[in-house]
Each structure stands twice: as structure tokens, then as C-alpha cells.
PDB file of N, CA and C in Angstrom:
ATOM      1  N   MET A   1      -0.027   7.752  15.371  1.00  0.00           N
ATOM      2  CA  MET A   1       0.760   8.465  14.435  1.00  0.00           C
ATOM      3  C   MET A   1      -0.111   9.043  13.435  1.00  0.00           C
ATOM      4  N   SER A   2      -0.077   9.916  13.061  1.00  0.00           N
ATOM      5  CA  SER A   2      -0.646  10.855  11.728  1.00  0.00           C
ATOM      6  C   SER A   2      -0.722   9.653  10.369  1.00  0.00           C
ATOM      7  N   GLU A   3      -1.368   9.902   9.300  1.00  0.00           N
ATOM      8  CA  GLU A   3      -1.168   9.331   8.031  1.00  0.00           C
ATOM      9  C   GLU A   3       0.109   9.801   6.811  1.00  0.00           C
ATOM     10  N   ILE A   4       0.865   8.741   6.653  1.00  0.00           N
ATOM     11  CA  ILE A   4       2.230   9.388   5.901  1.00  0.00           C
ATOM     12  C   ILE A   4       1.351   9.253   4.570  1.00  0.00           C
ATOM     13  N   ARG A   5       1.915   9.666   3.660  1.00  0.00           N
ATOM     14  CA  ARG A   5       2.016   9.426   2.260  1.00  0.00           C
ATOM     15  C   ARG A   5       3.614   9.391   1.579  1.00  0.00           C
ATOM     16  N   TRP A   6       3.813   8.118   1.408  1.00  0.00           N
ATOM     17  CA  TRP A   6       5.106   7.511   0.500  1.00  0.00           C
ATOM     18  C   TRP A   6       4.973   7.594  -0.325  1.00  0.00           C
ATOM     19  N   GLN A   7       6.122   7.752  -1.362  1.00  0.00           N
ATOM     20  CA  GLN A   7       6.309   7.836  -2.365  1.00  0.00           C
ATOM     21  C   GLN A   7       7.104   6.447  -2.728  1.00  0.00           C
ATOM     22  N   GLU A   8       7.193   6.551  -3.482  1.00  0.00           N
ATOM     23  CA  GLU A   8       7.583   5.286  -4.215  1.00  0.00           C
ATOM     24  C   GLU A   8       8.918   4.950  -4.057  1.00  0.00           C
ATOM     25  N   PRO A   9       9.546   3.360  -3.517  1.00  0.00           N
ATOM     26  CA  PRO A   9      10.917   3.098  -3.019  1.00  0.00           C
ATOM     27  C   PRO A   9      11.704   3.676  -3.940  1.00  0.00           C
ATOM     28  N   LEU A  10      12.841   4.489  -3.190  1.00  0.00           N
ATOM     29  CA  LEU A  10      14.541   4.900  -3.617  1.00  0.00           C
ATOM     30  C   LEU A  10      15.130   3.601  -3.854  1.00  0.00           C
ATOM     31  N   CYS A  11      14.870   3.290  -5.163  1.00  0.00           N
ATOM     32  CA  CYS A  11      16.447   1.776  -5.416  1.00  0.00           C
ATOM     33  C   CYS A  11      17.558   1.864  -5.868  1.00  0.00           C
ATOM     34  N   GLY A  12      17.433   2.771  -6.609  1.00  0.00           N
ATOM     35  CA  GLY A  12      19.182   3.881  -7.531  1.00  0.00           C
ATOM     36  C   GLY A  12      18.960   2.664  -8.642  1.00  0.00           C
ATOM     37  N   GLY A  13      18.036   1.424  -8.996  1.00  0.00           N
ATOM     38  CA  GLY A  13      18.201   0.809 -10.336  1.00  0.00           C
ATOM     39  C   GLY A  13      18.672  -0.369  -9.793  1.00  0.00           C
ATOM     40  N   ASN A  14      19.094  -0.950  -8.837  1.00  0.00           N
ATOM     41  CA  ASN A  14      19.961  -1.844  -8.400  1.00  0.00           C
ATOM     42  C   ASN A  14      19.050  -3.157  -8.936  1.00  0.00           C
ATOM     43  N   GLY A  15      17.857  -3.105  -8.218  1.00  0.00           N
ATOM     44  CA  GLY A  15      17.493  -4.008  -8.475  1.00  0.00           C
ATOM     45  C   GLY A  15      16.693  -4.871  -7.441  1.00  0.00           C
ATOM     46  N   GLY A  16      17.505  -4.677  -6.010  1.00  0.00           N
ATOM     47  CA  GLY A  16      17.412  -5.238  -4.807  1.00  0.00           C
ATOM     48  C   GLY A  16      16.418  -5.070  -4.397  1.00  0.00           C
ATOM     49  N   ASN A  17      15.999  -5.656  -3.074  1.00  0.00           N
ATOM     50  CA  ASN A  17      14.743  -5.372  -2.185  1.00  0.00           C
ATOM     51  C   ASN A  17      15.168  -4.563  -1.047  1.00  0.00           C
ATOM     52  N   SER A  18      16.414  -3.772  -0.601  1.00  0.00           N
ATOM     53  CA  SER A  18      16.517  -3.074  -0.127  1.00  0.00           C
ATOM     54  C   SER A  18      16.429  -1.454  -0.326  1.00  0.00           C
ATOM     55  N   CYS A  19      15.717  -1.078  -0.290  1.00  0.00           N
ATOM     56  CA  CYS A  19      15.249   0.351  -0.710  1.00  0.00           C
ATOM     57  C   CYS A  19      15.253   1.520   0.525  1.00  0.00           C
ATOM     58  N   ILE A  20      15.175   2.712  -0.096  1.00  0.00           N
ATOM     59  CA  ILE A  20      14.577   3.734   1.115  1.00  0.00           C
ATOM     60  C   ILE A  20      13.199   4.172   0.356  1.00  0.00           C
ATOM     61  N   GLN A  21      12.147   4.884   1.163  1.00  0.00           N
ATOM     62  CA  GLN A  21      11.181   5.549   0.935  1.00  0.00           C
ATOM     63  C   GLN A  21      11.354   6.527   1.933  1.00  0.00           C
ATOM     64  N   ILE A  22      10.492   8.255   1.524  1.00  0.00           N
ATOM     65  CA  ILE A  22      10.555   9.125   1.630  1.00  0.00           C
ATOM     66  C   ILE A  22       9.187   9.347   1.574  1.00  0.00           C
ATOM     67  N   GLY A  23       8.899   9.602   3.048  1.00  0.00           N
ATOM     68  CA  GLY A  23       7.254   9.910   3.471  1.00  0.00           C
ATOM     69  C   GLY A  23       6.973  11.620   3.577  1.00  0.00           C
ATOM     70  N   ARG A  24       5.714  11.670   4.221  1.00  0.00           N
ATOM     71  CA  ARG A  24       5.407  13.034   4.371  1.00  0.00           C
ATOM     72  C   ARG A  24       4.149  13.006   5.422  1.00  0.00           C
ATOM     73  N   MET A  25       4.181  13.375   6.571  1.00  0.00           N
ATOM     74  CA  MET A  25       3.415  13.473   7.000  1.00  0.00           C
ATOM     75  C   MET A  25       2.264  14.401   7.379  1.00  0.00           C
ATOM     76  N   ALA A  26       1.278  14.314   7.723  1.00  0.00           N
ATOM     77  CA  ALA A  26       0.184  15.227   7.528  1.00  0.00           C
ATOM     78  C   ALA A  26       0.990  16.531   7.518  1.00  0.00           C
ATOM     79  N   ASP A  27       1.645  16.974   8.333  1.00  0.00           N
ATOM     80  CA  ASP A  27       1.740  18.471   8.917  1.00  0.00           C
ATOM     81  C   ASP A  27       2.982  18.421   8.207  1.00  0.00           C
ATOM     82  N   GLY A  28       3.435  18.061   7.183  1.00  0.00           N
ATOM     83  CA  GLY A  28       4.472  18.196   6.428  1.00  0.00           C
ATOM     84  C   GLY A  28       5.673  17.567   6.698  1.00  0.00           C
ATOM     85  N   THR A  29       6.075  16.895   7.763  1.00  0.00           N
ATOM     86  CA  THR A  29       7.273  16.511   8.450  1.00  0.00           C
ATOM     87  C   THR A  29       7.682  15.419   7.807  1.00  0.00           C
ATOM     88  N   PRO A  30       9.254  15.368   7.143  1.00  0.00           N
ATOM     89  CA  PRO A  30       9.895  14.355   6.254  1.00  0.00           C
ATOM     90  C   PRO A  30       9.738  12.916   7.141  1.00  0.00           C
ATOM     91  N   ILE A  31       9.744  12.458   6.557  1.00  0.00           N
ATOM     92  CA  ILE A  31      10.024  10.582   7.030  1.00  0.00           C
ATOM     93  C   ILE A  31      10.407   9.717   6.539  1.00  0.00           C
ATOM     94  N   LEU A  32      11.598   8.996   7.121  1.00  0.00           N
ATOM     95  CA  LEU A  32      12.298   7.949   6.121  1.00  0.00           C
ATOM     96  C   LEU A  32      12.333   6.502   6.204  1.00  0.00           C
ATOM     97  N   ARG A  33      12.394   5.597   5.351  1.00  0.00           N
ATOM     98  CA  ARG A  33      12.388   3.817   6.014  1.00  0.00           C
ATOM     99  C   ARG A  33      13.069   3.304   5.197  1.00  0.00           C
ATOM    100  N   GLU A  34      13.474   2.299   5.746  1.00  0.00           N
ATOM    101  CA  GLU A  34      13.772   0.768   4.791  1.00  0.00           C
ATOM    102  C   GLU A  34      12.913  -0.104   4.560  1.00  0.00           C
ATOM    103  N   THR A  35      12.866  -0.384   3.213  1.00  0.00           N
ATOM    104  CA  THR A  35      11.577  -1.236   2.639  1.00  0.00           C
ATOM    105  C   THR A  35      11.624  -2.617   3.606  1.00  0.00           C
ATOM    106  N   THR A  36      13.042  -2.616   3.839  1.00  0.00           N
ATOM    107  CA  THR A  36      12.998  -4.453   4.786  1.00  0.00           C
ATOM    108  C   THR A  36      12.884  -3.996   6.108  1.00  0.00           C
ATOM    109  N   ARG A  37      12.555  -2.747   6.523  1.00  0.00           N
ATOM    110  CA  ARG A  37      12.424  -2.937   7.803  1.00  0.00           C
ATOM    111  C   ARG A  37      11.226  -1.719   8.112  1.00  0.00           C
ATOM    112  N   PRO A  38      10.423  -1.590   7.692  1.00  0.00           N
ATOM    113  CA  PRO A  38       9.109  -0.641   7.662  1.00  0.00           C
ATOM    114  C   PRO A  38       8.447  -0.325   8.592  1.00  0.00           C
ATOM    115  N   GLN A  39       8.768  -0.616   9.929  1.00  0.00           N
ATOM    116  CA  GLN A  39       8.389  -0.332  11.082  1.00  0.00           C
ATOM    117  C   GLN A  39       9.262   0.408  11.730  1.00  0.00           C
ATOM    118  N   GLU A  40      10.516   0.323  11.098  1.00  0.00           N
ATOM    119  CA  GLU A  40      11.676   1.415  11.856  1.00  0.00           C
ATOM    120  C   GLU A  40      11.598   2.810  11.300  1.00  0.00           C
ATOM    121  N   LEU A  41      11.062   3.946  11.541  1.00  0.00           N
ATOM    122  CA  LEU A  41      10.713   5.141  10.923  1.00  0.00           C
ATOM    123  C   LEU A  41      11.727   6.032  11.716  1.00  0.00           C
ATOM    124  N   VAL A  42      12.686   7.261  10.587  1.00  0.00           N
ATOM    125  CA  VAL A  42      13.190   8.304  11.049  1.00  0.00           C
ATOM    126  C   VAL A  42      12.474   9.373  10.369  1.00  0.00           C
ATOM    127  N   VAL A  43      12.418  10.189  11.766  1.00  0.00           N
ATOM    128  CA  VAL A  43      11.905  11.646  11.189  1.00  0.00           C
ATOM    129  C   VAL A  43      12.640  12.558  11.285  1.00  0.00           C
ATOM    130  N   THR A  44      12.656  13.340  10.418  1.00  0.00           N
ATOM    131  CA  THR A  44      13.605  14.911  10.414  1.00  0.00           C
ATOM    132  C   THR A  44      12.851  15.835  10.153  1.00  0.00           C
ATOM    133  N   THR A  45      13.470  16.708   9.914  1.00  0.00           N
ATOM    134  CA  THR A  45      13.131  18.148   9.373  1.00  0.00           C
ATOM    135  C   THR A  45      13.027  18.182   8.215  1.00  0.00           C
ATOM    136  N   ARG A  46      12.672  19.637   7.315  1.00  0.00           N
ATOM    137  CA  ARG A  46      12.901  19.488   6.404  1.00  0.00           C
ATOM    138  C   ARG A  46      14.596  20.209   5.623  1.00  0.00           C
ATOM    139  N   GLU A  47      14.940  20.995   6.925  1.00  0.00           N
ATOM    140  CA  GLU A  47      16.245  21.296   6.495  1.00  0.00           C
ATOM    141  C   GLU A  47      17.082  20.116   6.543  1.00  0.00           C
ATOM    142  N   GLY A  48      16.695  19.288   7.937  1.00  0.00           N
ATOM    143  CA  GLY A  48      17.228  17.969   7.691  1.00  0.00           C
ATOM    144  C   GLY A  48      17.731  17.367   6.351  1.00  0.00           C
ATOM    145  N   LEU A  49      16.631  16.544   5.834  1.00  0.00           N
ATOM    146  CA  LEU A  49      16.361  16.409   4.866  1.00  0.00           C
ATOM    147  C   LEU A  49      17.289  16.911   3.580  1.00  0.00           C
ATOM    148  N   ARG A  50      17.020  18.305   4.014  1.00  0.00           N
ATOM    149  CA  ARG A  50      17.774  18.924   2.528  1.00  0.00           C
ATOM    150  C   ARG A  50      19.084  18.824   2.640  1.00  0.00           C
ATOM    151  N   ASN A  51      19.343  19.615   3.803  1.00  0.00           N
ATOM    152  CA  ASN A  51      21.211  19.360   3.909  1.00  0.00           C
ATOM    153  C   ASN A  51      21.602  17.633   3.481  1.00  0.00           C
ATOM    154  N   LEU A  52      20.655  16.483   4.269  1.00  0.00           N
ATOM    155  CA  LEU A  52      21.207  15.247   3.948  1.00  0.00           C
ATOM    156  C   LEU A  52      21.652  15.137   2.282  1.00  0.00           C
ATOM    157  N   VAL A  53      20.383  15.414   1.483  1.00  0.00           N
ATOM    158  CA  VAL A  53      20.344  15.366  -0.079  1.00  0.00           C
ATOM    159  C   VAL A  53      21.687  16.209  -1.021  1.00  0.00           C
ATOM    160  N   GLU A  54      21.842  17.460  -0.261  1.00  0.00           N
ATOM    161  CA  GLU A  54      23.099  18.024  -1.078  1.00  0.00           C
ATOM    162  C   GLU A  54      24.169  17.501  -0.344  1.00  0.00           C
ATOM    163  N   ALA A  55      24.519  16.791   0.584  1.00  0.00           N
ATOM    164  CA  ALA A  55      25.549  16.508   1.140  1.00  0.00           C
ATOM    165  C   ALA A  55      25.589  15.252   0.274  1.00  0.00           C
ATOM    166  N   ALA A  56      25.166  14.203  -0.037  1.00  0.00           N
ATOM    167  CA  ALA A  56      24.937  13.272  -0.861  1.00  0.00           C
ATOM    168  C   ALA A  56      25.667  13.867  -2.387  1.00  0.00           C
ATOM    169  N   LYS A  57      24.989  15.225  -2.710  1.00  0.00           N
ATOM    170  CA  LYS A  57      25.280  15.332  -4.025  1.00  0.00           C
ATOM    171  C   LYS A  57      26.825  15.823  -4.406  1.00  0.00           C
ATOM    172  N   ARG A  58      26.990  16.292  -3.263  1.00  0.00           N
ATOM    173  CA  ARG A  58      28.809  16.853  -3.150  1.00  0.00           C
ATOM    174  C   ARG A  58      29.252  15.561  -3.067  1.00  0.00           C
ATOM    175  N   GLY A  59      29.091  14.390  -2.622  1.00  0.00           N
ATOM    176  CA  GLY A  59      30.042  13.502  -2.364  1.00  0.00           C
ATOM    177  C   GLY A  59      30.115  12.986  -1.024  1.00  0.00           C
ATOM    178  N   GLU A  60      29.848  13.714   0.161  1.00  0.00           N
ATOM    179  CA  GLU A  60      30.538  13.574   1.156  1.00  0.00           C
ATOM    180  C   GLU A  60      29.899  12.565   1.886  1.00  0.00           C
ATOM    181  N   LEU A  61      28.850  11.758   1.204  1.00  0.00           N
ATOM    182  CA  LEU A  61      28.899  10.784   2.036  1.00  0.00           C
ATOM    183  C   LEU A  61      29.259   8.966   1.302  1.00  0.00           C
ATOM    184  N   ASP A  62      30.261   9.519   0.224  1.00  0.00           N
ATOM    185  CA  ASP A  62      30.620   8.276  -0.613  1.00  0.00           C
ATOM    186  C   ASP A  62      31.169   7.551   0.375  1.00  0.00           C
ATOM    187  N   HIS A  63      32.031   8.053   1.270  1.00  0.00           N
ATOM    188  CA  HIS A  63      32.920   6.935   2.165  1.00  0.00           C
ATOM    189  C   HIS A  63      31.791   6.212   3.017  1.00  0.00           C
ATOM    190  N   LEU A  64      30.751   6.266   2.706  1.00  0.00           N
ATOM    191  CA  LEU A  64      29.895   5.299   3.475  1.00  0.00           C
ATOM    192  C   LEU A  64      29.391   4.115   2.799  1.00  0.00           C
ATOM    193  N   LEU A  65      29.575   4.403   1.463  1.00  0.00           N
ATOM    194  CA  LEU A  65      29.262   2.971   0.250  1.00  0.00           C
ATOM    195  C   LEU A  65      30.066   1.708   0.104  1.00  0.00           C
TER     196      LEU A  65
END
């Protein structure tokens, strides 16, 4: 697999150890992982990630929390 550049974990200020990281592969493909399970990766598209973020902003995922 190509080199992945990860951003700092997104922990939401909860101080927990279960955080989401978003990275980008060398070709720009977005990729996500849980810090407690870094070997399990979710590969998506830029449009898919954008749609996920926008849905979260609109509150459409609140029922999952």
C-alpha cells in the first residue's frame, strides 16, 4: 500500500482513546481508521468523505450516537 499521511486524531475533546484519524494516500484518496484498530482501514472517495461530513453537519447521523 502506498504511503499514507495521517492527520492528528479527532477525539472530540472527550479525552478518550477511541479516536478517528483521516489520512490521504499518495494519490489523494481519503482513508479513515480508528486509533484503537489502526490496521482496519476504510478507503473512500473525496465525494464520499465530503458527503459524510456534510451529513454530520446537518445532524443526519445524530441517531447513531
